[in-house]
């Protein structure tokens, strides 16, 4: 074999090995739930992530909690290597999305990470809320008349951006319902309480307004808000297909925003 032939043989061999090299796996999607003492919360979040895995089987999906449930986010990140995209299963901006999660991810210096924006606001959440209200209206014993108004019951926060995000979701849900008035009500933090929103709707002639549960999963606040409903009370968002699609949408948004790095960077909505 002369020198030129040997060089060609070497080049072709390298190309063959390169072609056979498997593509690197996609970054791990780390979903971050708040956590709850309600045992239904973990079951609900697990079902949601099972739906996410079914939509994108090639994407590794892991779960971490801010508090109250295991695995905690710190433990989940400690067990991972390589590239990750952290997706908060939270519905708006606030202390957890602005401070707690970024600080925890930044402490995992062994990872190349990006942090997606919170799930809300987004039209897919309005789709899921609409579905949950329709399901509640079909339950045995539910009022036959359609509610003239809806309270969007949210956890609430002292961060004003959280109230802005919830108000935007209320607008999206109102549009989805054909213009039915939707007022935000909060279980905590600043801003009007669920009872305040119910009184405001009653003042507009909607005495038996429905309550839409703007919570990812069941928990103490979701139960309190449902108990306050004079009419139908919808279930939390849960493992609705639209929520699963939105989790992957936030994941893809984060990946498209910039290269992964060892410095955790939060990607806006």
Protein backbone atom coordinates (compact mmCIF):
# COMPACT_ATOMS: atom_id res chain seq x y z
CA UNK A 1 0.00 0.00 0.00
CA UNK A 2 1.63 3.30 -1.08
CA UNK A 3 1.57 6.45 1.08
CA UNK A 4 -1.42 8.11 -0.66
CA UNK A 5 -3.51 4.97 -0.46
CA UNK A 6 -2.67 4.62 3.23
CA UNK A 7 -3.73 8.21 3.92
CA UNK A 8 -7.04 7.68 2.13
CA UNK A 9 -7.59 4.47 4.09
CA UNK A 10 -6.93 6.30 7.38
CA UNK A 11 -9.32 9.14 6.50
CA UNK A 12 -12.09 6.75 5.52
CA UNK A 13 -11.60 4.77 8.72
CA UNK A 14 -11.90 7.93 10.80
CA UNK A 15 -15.07 8.95 8.99
CA UNK A 16 -16.52 5.52 9.56
CA UNK A 17 -15.80 5.68 13.29
CA UNK A 18 -17.28 9.20 13.45
CA UNK A 19 -20.44 8.07 11.65
CA UNK A 20 -20.85 5.17 14.06
CA UNK A 21 -20.38 7.35 17.17
CA UNK A 22 -23.75 7.70 18.91
CA UNK A 23 -25.20 11.16 19.34
CA UNK A 24 -24.87 12.56 22.86
CA UNK A 25 -28.01 12.26 24.96
CA UNK A 26 -30.14 15.39 25.33
CA UNK A 27 -29.76 17.39 28.54
CA UNK A 28 -31.64 16.05 31.54
CA UNK A 29 -34.90 17.83 32.27
CA UNK A 30 -35.06 18.47 36.02
CA UNK A 31 -38.61 19.38 37.01
CA UNK A 32 -38.86 21.33 40.26
CA UNK A 33 -42.04 20.99 42.32
CA UNK A 34 -42.71 22.98 45.44
CA UNK A 35 -43.58 20.02 47.64
CA UNK A 36 -46.54 19.42 49.94
CA UNK A 37 -47.56 17.42 52.97
CA UNK A 38 -50.60 16.31 51.00
CA UNK A 39 -49.72 12.81 49.68
CA UNK A 40 -51.72 13.50 46.51
CA UNK A 41 -49.21 16.15 45.45
CA UNK A 42 -46.33 13.75 44.84
CA UNK A 43 -48.61 11.30 43.02
CA UNK A 44 -49.90 14.11 40.80
CA UNK A 45 -46.47 15.45 39.91
CA UNK A 46 -45.22 11.93 39.21
CA UNK A 47 -48.15 11.37 36.83
CA UNK A 48 -47.38 14.66 35.08
CA UNK A 49 -43.76 13.70 34.52
CA UNK A 50 -44.80 10.27 33.26
CA UNK A 51 -46.82 12.09 30.62
CA UNK A 52 -43.79 14.26 29.78
CA UNK A 53 -41.67 11.12 29.34
CA UNK A 54 -44.29 9.61 27.07
CA UNK A 55 -44.16 12.68 24.84
CA UNK A 56 -40.33 12.71 24.63
CA UNK A 57 -38.94 9.29 25.57
CA UNK A 58 -35.40 10.27 24.59
CA UNK A 59 -35.23 13.08 27.18
CA UNK A 60 -34.10 12.01 30.68
CA UNK A 61 -36.55 13.45 33.22
CA UNK A 62 -35.89 13.82 36.94
CA UNK A 63 -37.82 15.40 39.80
CA UNK A 64 -36.64 17.62 42.67
CA UNK A 65 -38.60 19.44 45.37
CA UNK A 66 -37.99 22.80 47.00
CA UNK A 67 -39.21 21.48 50.35
CA UNK A 68 -41.49 19.00 52.14
CA UNK A 69 -41.03 16.08 49.73
CA UNK A 70 -38.18 13.88 48.57
CA UNK A 71 -36.17 13.96 46.49
CA UNK A 72 -35.11 17.50 47.28
CA UNK A 73 -33.70 19.52 44.40
CA UNK A 74 -30.25 19.58 46.01
CA UNK A 75 -30.14 15.77 46.11
CA UNK A 76 -31.41 15.38 42.55
CA UNK A 77 -28.76 17.74 41.20
CA UNK A 78 -26.01 16.12 43.26
CA UNK A 79 -26.74 12.76 41.60
CA UNK A 80 -26.56 14.11 38.04
CA UNK A 81 -23.66 14.81 35.70
CA UNK A 82 -23.32 16.79 32.51
CA UNK A 83 -26.02 19.01 31.02
CA UNK A 84 -29.32 19.82 32.71
CA UNK A 85 -32.26 22.11 32.12
CA UNK A 86 -34.17 22.97 35.28
CA UNK A 87 -37.89 23.55 34.68
CA UNK A 88 -39.86 24.98 37.63
CA UNK A 89 -43.34 23.47 37.91
CA UNK A 90 -44.39 26.85 39.28
CA UNK A 91 -47.00 29.11 37.74
CA UNK A 92 -45.38 32.53 37.93
CA UNK A 93 -42.44 34.60 39.06
CA UNK A 94 -41.66 34.86 42.75
CA UNK A 95 -39.10 34.15 45.46
CA UNK A 96 -38.66 30.48 44.50
CA UNK A 97 -38.06 31.16 40.80
CA UNK A 98 -35.92 34.26 41.32
CA UNK A 99 -33.81 33.22 44.31
CA UNK A 100 -34.23 29.72 45.75
CA UNK A 101 -33.95 27.69 42.56
CA UNK A 102 -31.11 29.75 41.00
CA UNK A 103 -29.12 29.56 44.25
CA UNK A 104 -29.55 25.79 44.48
CA UNK A 105 -28.54 25.28 40.85
CA UNK A 106 -25.57 27.61 41.17
CA UNK A 107 -24.31 25.54 44.09
CA UNK A 108 -24.24 22.46 41.83
CA UNK A 109 -21.05 23.65 40.16
CA UNK A 110 -20.36 20.24 38.64
CA UNK A 111 -23.27 20.67 36.19
CA UNK A 112 -23.74 22.69 33.03
CA UNK A 113 -27.18 24.10 33.66
CA UNK A 114 -29.87 26.44 32.48
CA UNK A 115 -33.06 27.35 34.32
CA UNK A 116 -36.27 27.72 32.36
CA UNK A 117 -38.91 30.28 33.20
CA UNK A 118 -41.95 29.29 35.27
CA UNK A 119 -44.82 27.58 33.49
CA UNK A 120 -47.13 30.56 33.58
CA UNK A 121 -48.56 32.61 32.16
CA UNK A 122 -49.24 30.70 28.95
CA UNK A 123 -52.32 29.84 26.82
CA UNK A 124 -51.73 26.13 27.47
CA UNK A 125 -52.50 26.75 31.14
CA UNK A 126 -55.75 28.45 30.18
CA UNK A 127 -56.58 25.35 28.14
CA UNK A 128 -55.98 23.11 31.15
CA UNK A 129 -57.95 25.40 33.50
CA UNK A 130 -60.87 25.39 31.06
CA UNK A 131 -60.85 21.60 30.98
CA UNK A 132 -60.81 21.33 34.79
CA UNK A 133 -63.76 23.74 35.07
CA UNK A 134 -65.71 21.73 32.50
CA UNK A 135 -64.97 18.51 34.41
CA UNK A 136 -66.18 20.08 37.65
CA UNK A 137 -69.39 21.23 35.99
CA UNK A 138 -70.16 17.64 34.95
CA UNK A 139 -69.82 16.19 38.44
CA UNK A 140 -72.99 14.81 40.04
CA UNK A 141 -74.75 17.52 42.01
CA UNK A 142 -72.98 20.40 40.26
CA UNK A 143 -75.14 23.45 39.44
CA UNK A 144 -76.80 23.10 36.06
CA UNK A 145 -76.43 26.77 35.17
CA UNK A 146 -73.08 27.86 33.79
CA UNK A 147 -71.19 30.15 36.18
CA UNK A 148 -71.35 33.80 35.25
CA UNK A 149 -67.94 34.47 36.78
CA UNK A 150 -64.79 32.63 37.82
CA UNK A 151 -62.20 33.20 40.52
CA UNK A 152 -58.71 32.13 39.52
CA UNK A 153 -57.44 30.85 42.87
CA UNK A 154 -53.65 31.04 43.12
CA UNK A 155 -51.11 30.54 45.90
CA UNK A 156 -50.11 34.20 45.97
CA UNK A 157 -46.79 35.87 46.77
CA UNK A 158 -45.28 39.04 48.17
CA UNK A 159 -43.53 39.53 44.83
CA UNK A 160 -45.56 41.91 42.62
CA UNK A 161 -44.47 40.03 39.50
CA UNK A 162 -46.40 36.99 40.74
CA UNK A 163 -49.63 38.99 40.85
CA UNK A 164 -48.95 40.29 37.34
CA UNK A 165 -48.50 36.74 36.05
CA UNK A 166 -51.69 35.50 37.72
CA UNK A 167 -53.66 38.45 36.35
CA UNK A 168 -52.40 37.63 32.86
CA UNK A 169 -53.56 34.03 33.24
CA UNK A 170 -56.96 35.32 34.38
CA UNK A 171 -57.17 37.30 31.14
CA UNK A 172 -56.22 34.26 29.07
CA UNK A 173 -58.83 32.11 30.83
CA UNK A 174 -61.50 34.77 30.37
CA UNK A 175 -60.78 34.84 26.64
CA UNK A 176 -60.88 31.05 26.56
CA UNK A 177 -64.30 31.14 28.25
CA UNK A 178 -65.69 33.60 25.72
CA UNK A 179 -65.41 36.70 27.87
CA UNK A 180 -66.71 35.34 31.19
CA UNK A 181 -65.24 37.60 33.93
CA UNK A 182 -62.29 35.97 35.70
CA UNK A 183 -60.79 37.63 38.77
CA UNK A 184 -57.60 36.52 40.52
CA UNK A 185 -57.78 35.53 44.18
CA UNK A 186 -54.83 34.57 46.35
CA UNK A 187 -54.41 32.19 49.25
CA UNK A 188 -51.42 34.10 50.66
CA UNK A 189 -49.15 37.05 50.05
CA UNK A 190 -50.32 40.44 48.89
CA UNK A 191 -53.28 41.07 46.64
CA UNK A 192 -56.96 40.18 46.92
CA UNK A 193 -57.94 36.95 48.64
CA UNK A 194 -60.26 34.40 47.06
CA UNK A 195 -63.05 35.71 49.31
CA UNK A 196 -62.43 39.25 48.02
CA UNK A 197 -62.71 38.11 44.41
CA UNK A 198 -65.90 36.19 45.19
CA UNK A 199 -67.45 39.30 46.77
CA UNK A 200 -66.43 41.39 43.77
CA UNK A 201 -68.11 38.93 41.41
CA UNK A 202 -71.21 38.80 43.62
CA UNK A 203 -71.37 42.59 43.33
CA UNK A 204 -71.54 42.09 39.58
CA UNK A 205 -74.47 39.68 39.98
CA UNK A 206 -72.50 36.41 39.98
CA UNK A 207 -73.50 34.93 43.33
CA UNK A 208 -72.35 31.37 42.60
CA UNK A 209 -69.08 31.95 40.83
CA UNK A 210 -66.86 29.00 40.06
CA UNK A 211 -63.34 28.63 41.45
CA UNK A 212 -60.58 27.58 39.05
CA UNK A 213 -57.68 25.96 40.93
CA UNK A 214 -54.48 27.56 39.67
CA UNK A 215 -52.22 25.02 41.36
CA UNK A 216 -50.02 22.38 39.80
CA UNK A 217 -51.09 19.74 42.31
CA UNK A 218 -53.35 19.27 45.36
CA UNK A 219 -52.25 20.78 48.65
CA UNK A 220 -53.31 22.91 51.59
CA UNK A 221 -53.87 26.13 49.65
CA UNK A 222 -55.74 24.35 46.85
CA UNK A 223 -58.07 22.72 49.38
CA UNK A 224 -58.70 26.01 51.21
CA UNK A 225 -59.60 27.77 47.98
CA UNK A 226 -61.92 24.96 46.86
CA UNK A 227 -63.70 25.02 50.21
CA UNK A 228 -64.47 28.73 49.72
CA UNK A 229 -66.27 28.15 46.42
CA UNK A 230 -70.01 28.96 46.48
CA UNK A 231 -70.46 27.06 43.22
CA UNK A 232 -68.28 24.55 41.44
CA UNK A 233 -64.62 24.17 42.40
CA UNK A 234 -62.28 22.76 39.78
CA UNK A 235 -59.43 20.38 40.47
CA UNK A 236 -55.81 21.57 40.18
CA UNK A 237 -54.05 21.44 36.82
CA UNK A 238 -52.44 18.07 37.58
CA UNK A 239 -51.27 15.82 34.76
CA UNK A 240 -53.28 17.57 32.06
CA UNK A 241 -51.76 16.95 28.59
CA UNK A 242 -51.45 20.69 27.98
CA UNK A 243 -49.32 21.08 31.11
CA UNK A 244 -47.03 18.26 29.97
CA UNK A 245 -46.62 19.97 26.60
CA UNK A 246 -45.83 23.23 28.36
CA UNK A 247 -43.11 21.61 30.49
CA UNK A 248 -41.38 20.48 27.31
CA UNK A 249 -41.94 23.86 25.69
CA UNK A 250 -40.13 25.61 28.56
CA UNK A 251 -37.34 23.01 28.30
CA UNK A 252 -36.91 23.70 24.58
CA UNK A 253 -37.05 27.47 25.14
CA UNK A 254 -34.21 27.22 27.63
CA UNK A 255 -32.10 25.09 25.30
CA UNK A 256 -32.61 27.52 22.43
CA UNK A 257 -31.73 30.60 24.46
CA UNK A 258 -27.96 30.09 24.84
CA UNK A 259 -25.33 27.38 25.31
CA UNK A 260 -25.33 25.46 28.57
CA UNK A 261 -22.73 26.70 31.04
CA UNK A 262 -21.40 26.04 34.51
CA UNK A 263 -22.97 29.32 35.64
CA UNK A 264 -26.69 28.85 36.14
CA UNK A 265 -28.66 31.28 33.99
CA UNK A 266 -32.41 31.79 34.28
CA UNK A 267 -34.31 32.03 31.02
CA UNK A 268 -37.29 34.39 30.96
CA UNK A 269 -40.81 33.44 29.92
